[in-house]
N, C-alpha and C. Protein backbone atom coordinates (compact mmCIF):
# COMPACT_ATOMS: atom_id res chain seq x y z
N MET A 1 1.00 -1.41 0.31
CA MET A 1 0.12 0.21 -0.19
C MET A 1 1.06 1.26 -0.40
N LYS A 2 0.42 2.18 -0.88
CA LYS A 2 1.22 3.28 -0.80
C LYS A 2 0.48 4.14 0.03
N LEU A 3 1.61 5.13 0.69
CA LEU A 3 0.95 6.62 1.23
C LEU A 3 1.36 7.95 0.52
N VAL A 4 0.61 8.78 0.04
CA VAL A 4 0.75 9.55 -0.59
C VAL A 4 0.21 10.46 0.37
N VAL A 5 1.59 11.50 0.43
CA VAL A 5 1.91 13.16 1.36
C VAL A 5 1.60 14.15 0.40
N GLN A 6 0.60 15.04 0.58
CA GLN A 6 0.43 16.39 -0.12
C GLN A 6 1.40 17.30 1.57
N VAL A 7 2.65 18.30 0.29
CA VAL A 7 3.44 18.96 1.46
C VAL A 7 3.14 20.65 0.65
N ARG A 8 2.75 21.43 1.21
CA ARG A 8 3.15 22.65 0.55
C ARG A 8 4.13 22.99 1.26
N LEU A 9 5.06 24.13 0.30
CA LEU A 9 6.19 24.86 0.53
C LEU A 9 6.12 25.97 0.96
N LEU A 10 6.40 26.56 2.15
CA LEU A 10 6.07 27.89 2.49
C LEU A 10 7.86 28.36 2.67
N PRO A 11 8.05 28.61 1.55
CA PRO A 11 9.85 29.75 1.47
C PRO A 11 9.52 31.11 2.15
N THR A 12 10.96 31.31 2.51
CA THR A 12 11.51 32.93 2.58
C THR A 12 11.49 33.46 1.48
N PRO A 13 11.01 34.92 1.77
CA PRO A 13 11.41 35.68 0.59
C PRO A 13 12.64 35.48 -0.51
N GLU A 14 13.49 35.05 0.45
CA GLU A 14 15.02 34.87 -0.12
C GLU A 14 15.32 33.35 -0.74
N GLN A 15 14.29 32.50 0.44
CA GLN A 15 14.31 30.97 -0.53
C GLN A 15 13.81 31.10 -1.64
N ALA A 16 12.59 31.87 -1.83
CA ALA A 16 11.64 31.90 -3.08
C ALA A 16 12.39 32.55 -4.12
N ALA A 17 13.53 33.31 -4.01
CA ALA A 17 14.02 34.05 -5.16
C ALA A 17 15.10 33.17 -5.50
N ALA A 18 15.67 32.33 -4.74
CA ALA A 18 16.69 31.58 -5.27
C ALA A 18 16.20 30.24 -6.01
N LEU A 19 14.98 30.09 -5.53
CA LEU A 19 13.95 28.54 -6.18
C LEU A 19 13.97 29.38 -7.50
N GLU A 20 13.15 30.48 -7.00
CA GLU A 20 12.96 31.10 -9.00
C GLU A 20 13.89 30.75 -9.62
N ALA A 21 15.22 31.40 -9.40
CA ALA A 21 16.70 31.83 -10.38
C ALA A 21 16.94 30.61 -10.61
N THR A 22 16.64 29.43 -10.07
CA THR A 22 17.49 27.83 -10.15
C THR A 22 16.25 27.22 -11.31
N LEU A 23 15.37 27.74 -11.23
CA LEU A 23 14.02 27.30 -12.22
C LEU A 23 14.20 27.71 -13.46
N ARG A 24 14.58 29.26 -13.32
CA ARG A 24 14.65 29.68 -14.69
C ARG A 24 16.16 29.37 -15.14
N ALA A 25 16.99 28.92 -14.43
CA ALA A 25 18.23 28.50 -15.29
C ALA A 25 18.41 27.55 -15.77
N VAL A 26 17.60 26.15 -14.98
CA VAL A 26 17.08 25.15 -15.44
C VAL A 26 16.22 25.22 -16.91
N ASN A 27 15.19 25.86 -17.03
CA ASN A 27 14.47 26.03 -18.08
C ASN A 27 15.16 26.62 -19.35
N GLU A 28 16.29 27.98 -18.96
CA GLU A 28 16.96 28.36 -19.90
C GLU A 28 18.28 26.97 -20.45
N ALA A 29 18.86 26.25 -19.36
CA ALA A 29 19.85 25.50 -19.60
C ALA A 29 19.05 24.26 -20.58
N ALA A 30 17.84 23.92 -20.74
CA ALA A 30 17.39 23.18 -21.36
C ALA A 30 16.78 23.08 -22.85
N THR A 31 16.56 24.71 -22.80
CA THR A 31 16.36 25.25 -24.25
C THR A 31 17.56 25.12 -25.04
N TRP A 32 18.84 25.55 -24.05
CA TRP A 32 20.01 25.14 -25.26
C TRP A 32 20.20 23.92 -24.97
N VAL A 33 20.22 23.06 -24.23
CA VAL A 33 20.35 21.62 -24.80
C VAL A 33 19.43 21.40 -25.66
N ALA A 34 18.42 21.46 -25.62
CA ALA A 34 17.16 21.00 -26.75
C ALA A 34 18.08 21.53 -28.15
N ALA A 35 18.00 22.50 -28.32
CA ALA A 35 18.78 23.54 -29.68
C ALA A 35 20.24 23.07 -30.36
N LEU A 36 20.95 22.33 -28.95
CA LEU A 36 22.55 21.54 -29.52
C LEU A 36 22.05 20.60 -29.44
N ALA A 37 21.07 19.49 -29.18
CA ALA A 37 21.10 18.24 -29.46
C ALA A 37 20.12 18.10 -31.02
N HIS A 38 19.36 18.97 -31.08
CA HIS A 38 18.82 19.09 -32.63
C HIS A 38 19.89 19.56 -34.09
N GLN A 39 20.82 20.69 -33.19
CA GLN A 39 21.45 21.03 -34.05
C GLN A 39 23.00 19.85 -34.62
N ARG A 40 23.26 19.07 -33.47
CA ARG A 40 24.38 18.22 -33.94
C ARG A 40 24.02 16.66 -33.89
N ARG A 41 22.42 16.78 -33.91
CA ARG A 41 21.79 15.44 -34.36
C ARG A 41 22.10 14.02 -33.30
N VAL A 42 21.58 14.72 -31.83
CA VAL A 42 22.60 13.58 -30.74
C VAL A 42 21.48 13.86 -30.21
N PHE A 43 20.90 12.58 -29.69
CA PHE A 43 19.35 12.63 -28.76
C PHE A 43 19.35 11.55 -27.93
N ARG A 44 20.78 10.88 -27.83
CA ARG A 44 20.92 9.83 -26.62
C ARG A 44 21.36 10.51 -25.46
N ASN A 45 20.91 9.91 -24.57
CA ASN A 45 21.51 10.41 -22.73
C ASN A 45 22.72 10.74 -22.87
N TYR A 46 23.56 9.63 -23.10
CA TYR A 46 25.03 9.57 -22.94
C TYR A 46 25.81 10.56 -23.89
N ASP A 47 24.95 10.06 -25.30
CA ASP A 47 26.18 10.86 -26.00
C ASP A 47 25.68 12.71 -25.88
N LEU A 48 24.32 12.84 -25.41
CA LEU A 48 24.43 14.22 -25.17
C LEU A 48 24.64 14.81 -24.03
N ARG A 49 25.04 13.91 -23.14
CA ARG A 49 25.97 14.31 -21.80
C ARG A 49 27.44 14.38 -22.20
N ARG A 50 28.02 13.88 -23.34
CA ARG A 50 29.50 14.17 -23.43
C ARG A 50 29.57 15.71 -24.25
N HIS A 51 28.37 16.20 -24.69
CA HIS A 51 28.62 17.49 -25.43
C HIS A 51 27.92 18.77 -24.68
N ALA A 52 27.05 18.80 -23.46
CA ALA A 52 26.49 19.13 -23.06
C ALA A 52 26.79 19.58 -21.47
N TYR A 53 27.19 18.36 -20.65
CA TYR A 53 27.09 18.35 -19.19
C TYR A 53 28.23 19.65 -18.89
N GLY A 54 29.38 19.92 -19.12
CA GLY A 54 30.20 20.52 -18.41
C GLY A 54 29.87 22.30 -18.95
N GLN A 55 29.47 22.32 -20.00
CA GLN A 55 28.73 23.67 -20.12
C GLN A 55 27.70 24.17 -19.60
N ILE A 56 27.26 23.17 -19.41
CA ILE A 56 25.43 23.36 -18.32
C ILE A 56 25.93 23.68 -17.30
N LYS A 57 27.07 23.17 -16.33
CA LYS A 57 27.52 23.55 -15.01
C LYS A 57 28.28 24.81 -15.15
N ASP A 58 28.91 25.06 -16.32
CA ASP A 58 29.65 26.56 -16.36
C ASP A 58 28.72 27.67 -16.73
N ASN A 59 27.92 27.42 -17.65
CA ASN A 59 27.27 28.88 -18.31
C ASN A 59 26.00 28.92 -17.18
N TYR A 60 25.37 27.63 -16.93
CA TYR A 60 23.98 27.99 -15.82
C TYR A 60 24.49 27.99 -14.46
N GLY A 61 25.17 27.59 -13.88
CA GLY A 61 25.79 27.41 -12.48
C GLY A 61 24.64 26.48 -11.74
N LEU A 62 24.87 25.66 -12.47
CA LEU A 62 23.63 24.47 -12.32
C LEU A 62 24.83 22.92 -11.68
N ALA A 63 24.12 22.38 -10.28
CA ALA A 63 25.09 21.73 -9.46
C ALA A 63 24.72 20.03 -10.51
N ALA A 64 25.68 19.46 -9.95
CA ALA A 64 25.50 17.89 -10.77
C ALA A 64 24.18 17.18 -11.68
N GLN A 65 22.98 17.35 -10.22
CA GLN A 65 22.42 16.59 -10.48
C GLN A 65 21.21 17.46 -11.15
N ALA A 66 20.98 18.51 -11.23
CA ALA A 66 20.41 19.61 -11.88
C ALA A 66 20.87 19.29 -13.29
N ALA A 67 22.23 19.14 -13.75
CA ALA A 67 22.33 19.12 -15.00
C ALA A 67 22.11 17.84 -15.48
N GLN A 68 22.26 16.97 -15.03
CA GLN A 68 22.10 15.64 -15.38
C GLN A 68 20.77 15.86 -16.03
N HIS A 69 19.93 16.32 -14.74
CA HIS A 69 18.27 16.08 -15.23
C HIS A 69 17.72 16.99 -16.60
N VAL A 70 18.60 17.84 -16.29
CA VAL A 70 18.06 19.03 -17.72
C VAL A 70 18.16 18.07 -19.00
N ILE A 71 19.55 17.62 -19.19
CA ILE A 71 19.89 16.40 -19.99
C ILE A 71 18.83 15.34 -20.46
N LYS A 72 18.41 14.79 -19.70
CA LYS A 72 17.11 13.44 -19.59
C LYS A 72 15.66 13.76 -19.91
N LYS A 73 15.83 15.18 -19.29
CA LYS A 73 14.42 15.04 -19.65
C LYS A 73 14.39 15.84 -21.17
N VAL A 74 15.75 16.54 -21.98
CA VAL A 74 15.92 16.67 -23.17
C VAL A 74 15.57 15.84 -24.11
N THR A 75 16.84 14.36 -23.48
CA THR A 75 16.40 13.13 -24.66
C THR A 75 14.84 12.39 -24.52
N ASP A 76 14.59 12.77 -23.12
CA ASP A 76 13.22 12.31 -22.98
C ASP A 76 12.19 13.20 -23.67
N ALA A 77 12.45 14.00 -23.90
CA ALA A 77 11.07 14.66 -24.98
C ALA A 77 11.44 14.54 -26.49
N TYR A 78 12.62 14.62 -26.61
CA TYR A 78 12.85 14.10 -28.00
C TYR A 78 12.50 12.82 -28.20
N ALA A 79 12.80 11.70 -27.49
CA ALA A 79 12.51 10.30 -27.94
C ALA A 79 10.54 10.25 -27.92
N THR A 80 10.02 11.68 -26.97
CA THR A 80 8.45 10.88 -27.39
C THR A 80 8.19 11.53 -28.35
N LEU A 81 8.81 12.90 -28.75
CA LEU A 81 8.45 13.71 -30.33
C LEU A 81 8.73 12.55 -31.50
N HIS A 82 9.93 11.86 -31.34
CA HIS A 82 10.10 10.74 -32.39
C HIS A 82 9.23 9.86 -32.29
N ALA A 83 8.58 9.33 -31.06
CA ALA A 83 7.69 7.98 -31.04
C ALA A 83 6.21 8.68 -31.83
N ASN A 84 5.96 9.93 -31.09
CA ASN A 84 4.82 10.25 -31.85
C ASN A 84 4.83 10.91 -33.23
N LEU A 85 5.83 10.89 -33.74
CA LEU A 85 5.99 11.31 -35.11
C LEU A 85 5.84 10.11 -36.19
N ARG A 86 6.36 9.01 -35.40
CA ARG A 86 6.53 7.85 -36.11
C ARG A 86 4.74 6.89 -36.20
N ASN A 87 3.89 7.42 -35.27
CA ASN A 87 2.80 6.98 -35.14
C ASN A 87 2.09 7.26 -35.70
């Protein structure tokens, strides 16, 4: 049996600003990675990571986990797009 708990975050104004800045950086990085993947025709997670990981960390200031998440989300989006185009 699974237990589901709903949690509401109540960040301080400083925490809210930091969270918003991080989300904006993640979205900007995802846009850049999607363009890079399209330009280089690289859509697999591992291959795209070789091209983008270091630049995401350097240019967008994201931590390792967030950088990996950006790349994975982009590759998943392209996989979904290609699957939908085939059907």
